[in-house]
Amino acid sequence: MSAVIYTILKEFFVEIHGHSVKARIMSPINNENSFKFQISLYFKNKSDADPNEPASTFTSYANAERHLLSYLEAFQNTLDLGGEVAEGSKF
């Protein structure tokens, strides 16, 4: 298995209910048409035992950014409604 090296295109720093969250949009250096985002903290719902980790790859930067911002909004909404931050999910 070969290593994949990513270029970090943009980083976001937000605070959600006192939790500092770092997010980044990345692209592999050998594929300029593939984008991922990574979050330093994840959320979990009271009804779901597993954290809701984003695990998608996008074909455009705009889609990756839109989904990242949507994820951060869902993160805040989940904490507003009593959800928790998943442990052990910092990068």
C-alpha atoms as a PDB file:
ATOM      1  CA  MET A   1       0.000   0.000   0.000  1.00  0.00           C
ATOM      2  CA  SER A   2       1.503   3.304  -1.052  1.00  0.00           C
ATOM      3  CA  ALA A   3       1.358   6.459   1.007  1.00  0.00           C
ATOM      4  CA  VAL A   4      -0.899   9.281  -0.127  1.00  0.00           C
ATOM      5  CA  ILE A   5       0.418  12.805   0.301  1.00  0.00           C
ATOM      6  CA  TYR A   6      -2.198  15.547   0.554  1.00  0.00           C
ATOM      7  CA  THR A   7      -2.024  19.262  -0.088  1.00  0.00           C
ATOM      8  CA  ILE A   8      -4.023  21.275   2.435  1.00  0.00           C
ATOM      9  CA  LEU A   9      -5.983  23.820   0.434  1.00  0.00           C
ATOM     10  CA  LYS A  10      -7.878  25.598   3.201  1.00  0.00           C
ATOM     11  CA  GLU A  11      -8.150  25.416   6.976  1.00  0.00           C
ATOM     12  CA  PHE A  12     -11.015  26.568   9.163  1.00  0.00           C
ATOM     13  CA  PHE A  13     -10.945  27.183  12.914  1.00  0.00           C
ATOM     14  CA  VAL A  14     -14.296  27.449  14.688  1.00  0.00           C
ATOM     15  CA  GLU A  15     -15.532  27.167  18.245  1.00  0.00           C
ATOM     16  CA  ILE A  16     -18.709  25.198  18.822  1.00  0.00           C
ATOM     17  CA  HIS A  17     -20.101  25.223  22.377  1.00  0.00           C
ATOM     18  CA  GLY A  18     -16.633  25.810  23.798  1.00  0.00           C
ATOM     19  CA  HIS A  19     -14.995  23.095  21.679  1.00  0.00           C
ATOM     20  CA  SER A  20     -12.283  24.268  19.319  1.00  0.00           C
ATOM     21  CA  VAL A  21     -12.788  22.553  15.974  1.00  0.00           C
ATOM     22  CA  LYS A  22     -10.175  22.544  13.255  1.00  0.00           C
ATOM     23  CA  ALA A  23     -11.265  21.570   9.749  1.00  0.00           C
ATOM     24  CA  ARG A  24      -9.311  21.306   6.518  1.00  0.00           C
ATOM     25  CA  ILE A  25      -9.976  20.655   2.874  1.00  0.00           C
ATOM     26  CA  MET A  26      -7.297  18.534   1.232  1.00  0.00           C
ATOM     27  CA  SER A  27      -6.422  17.136  -2.168  1.00  0.00           C
ATOM     28  CA  PRO A  28      -3.949  14.349  -3.020  1.00  0.00           C
ATOM     29  CA  ILE A  29      -0.924  15.791  -4.815  1.00  0.00           C
ATOM     30  CA  ASN A  30      -1.265  13.209  -7.605  1.00  0.00           C
ATOM     31  CA  ASN A  31      -4.981  13.849  -8.267  1.00  0.00           C
ATOM     32  CA  GLU A  32      -6.156  17.435  -8.615  1.00  0.00           C
ATOM     33  CA  ASN A  33      -9.775  16.348  -9.144  1.00  0.00           C
ATOM     34  CA  SER A  34     -10.240  14.697  -5.747  1.00  0.00           C
ATOM     35  CA  PHE A  35     -11.012  16.568  -2.527  1.00  0.00           C
ATOM     36  CA  LYS A  36     -11.595  15.433   1.072  1.00  0.00           C
ATOM     37  CA  PHE A  37     -12.239  17.235   4.279  1.00  0.00           C
ATOM     38  CA  GLN A  38     -11.011  16.324   7.737  1.00  0.00           C
ATOM     39  CA  ILE A  39     -12.389  17.477  11.095  1.00  0.00           C
ATOM     40  CA  SER A  40     -10.500  17.481  14.412  1.00  0.00           C
ATOM     41  CA  LEU A  41     -13.635  16.644  16.456  1.00  0.00           C
ATOM     42  CA  TYR A  42     -16.723  14.628  15.579  1.00  0.00           C
ATOM     43  CA  PHE A  43     -20.186  14.614  17.062  1.00  0.00           C
ATOM     44  CA  LYS A  44     -22.479  11.809  18.098  1.00  0.00           C
ATOM     45  CA  ASN A  45     -26.207  11.851  18.601  1.00  0.00           C
ATOM     46  CA  LYS A  46     -27.807  10.485  21.738  1.00  0.00           C
ATOM     47  CA  SER A  47     -29.544   7.897  19.569  1.00  0.00           C
ATOM     48  CA  ASP A  48     -26.384   6.832  17.719  1.00  0.00           C
ATOM     49  CA  ALA A  49     -23.465   5.077  19.425  1.00  0.00           C
ATOM     50  CA  ASP A  50     -20.987   5.799  16.622  1.00  0.00           C
ATOM     51  CA  PRO A  51     -19.665   9.269  15.838  1.00  0.00           C
ATOM     52  CA  ASN A  52     -20.930  10.824  12.622  1.00  0.00           C
ATOM     53  CA  GLU A  53     -17.594  11.071  10.845  1.00  0.00           C
ATOM     54  CA  PRO A  54     -17.569  12.504   7.344  1.00  0.00           C
ATOM     55  CA  ALA A  55     -16.024   9.957   4.984  1.00  0.00           C
ATOM     56  CA  SER A  56     -16.616  11.306   1.509  1.00  0.00           C
ATOM     57  CA  THR A  57     -14.442  12.239  -1.415  1.00  0.00           C
ATOM     58  CA  PHE A  58     -15.628  14.988  -3.728  1.00  0.00           C
ATOM     59  CA  THR A  59     -14.808  15.801  -7.340  1.00  0.00           C
ATOM     60  CA  SER A  60     -14.854  19.578  -6.899  1.00  0.00           C
ATOM     61  CA  TYR A  61     -13.515  21.949  -4.292  1.00  0.00           C
ATOM     62  CA  ALA A  62     -16.868  23.780  -4.116  1.00  0.00           C
ATOM     63  CA  ASN A  63     -18.718  20.558  -3.221  1.00  0.00           C
ATOM     64  CA  ALA A  64     -16.150  19.679  -0.558  1.00  0.00           C
ATOM     65  CA  GLU A  65     -16.419  23.146   0.975  1.00  0.00           C
ATOM     66  CA  ARG A  66     -20.238  23.113   0.888  1.00  0.00           C
ATOM     67  CA  HIS A  67     -20.376  19.697   2.588  1.00  0.00           C
ATOM     68  CA  LEU A  68     -17.791  20.768   5.177  1.00  0.00           C
ATOM     69  CA  LEU A  69     -19.778  23.871   6.122  1.00  0.00           C
ATOM     70  CA  SER A  70     -22.956  21.793   6.228  1.00  0.00           C
ATOM     71  CA  TYR A  71     -21.207  19.289   8.506  1.00  0.00           C
ATOM     72  CA  LEU A  72     -20.091  22.059  10.871  1.00  0.00           C
ATOM     73  CA  GLU A  73     -23.672  23.346  11.005  1.00  0.00           C
ATOM     74  CA  ALA A  74     -24.947  19.825  11.775  1.00  0.00           C
ATOM     75  CA  PHE A  75     -22.261  19.555  14.472  1.00  0.00           C
ATOM     76  CA  GLN A  76     -23.563  22.713  16.172  1.00  0.00           C
ATOM     77  CA  ASN A  77     -27.195  21.636  15.804  1.00  0.00           C
ATOM     78  CA  THR A  78     -26.416  18.251  17.352  1.00  0.00           C
ATOM     79  CA  LEU A  79     -24.727  19.856  20.366  1.00  0.00           C
ATOM     80  CA  ASP A  80     -27.646  22.319  20.651  1.00  0.00           C
ATOM     81  CA  LEU A  81     -30.004  19.338  20.934  1.00  0.00           C
ATOM     82  CA  GLY A  82     -27.943  17.500  23.568  1.00  0.00           C
ATOM     83  CA  GLY A  83     -25.499  15.502  21.444  1.00  0.00           C
ATOM     84  CA  GLU A  84     -21.901  14.963  22.502  1.00  0.00           C
ATOM     85  CA  VAL A  85     -18.428  15.242  21.071  1.00  0.00           C
ATOM     86  CA  ALA A  86     -16.949  11.841  20.227  1.00  0.00           C
ATOM     87  CA  GLU A  87     -13.817  11.064  22.239  1.00  0.00           C
ATOM     88  CA  GLY A  88     -10.431  10.280  20.717  1.00  0.00           C
ATOM     89  CA  SER A  89     -11.070  11.987  17.418  1.00  0.00           C
ATOM     90  CA  LYS A  90      -8.422  14.715  17.332  1.00  0.00           C
ATOM     91  CA  PHE A  91      -5.812  14.945  14.603  1.00  0.00           C
END
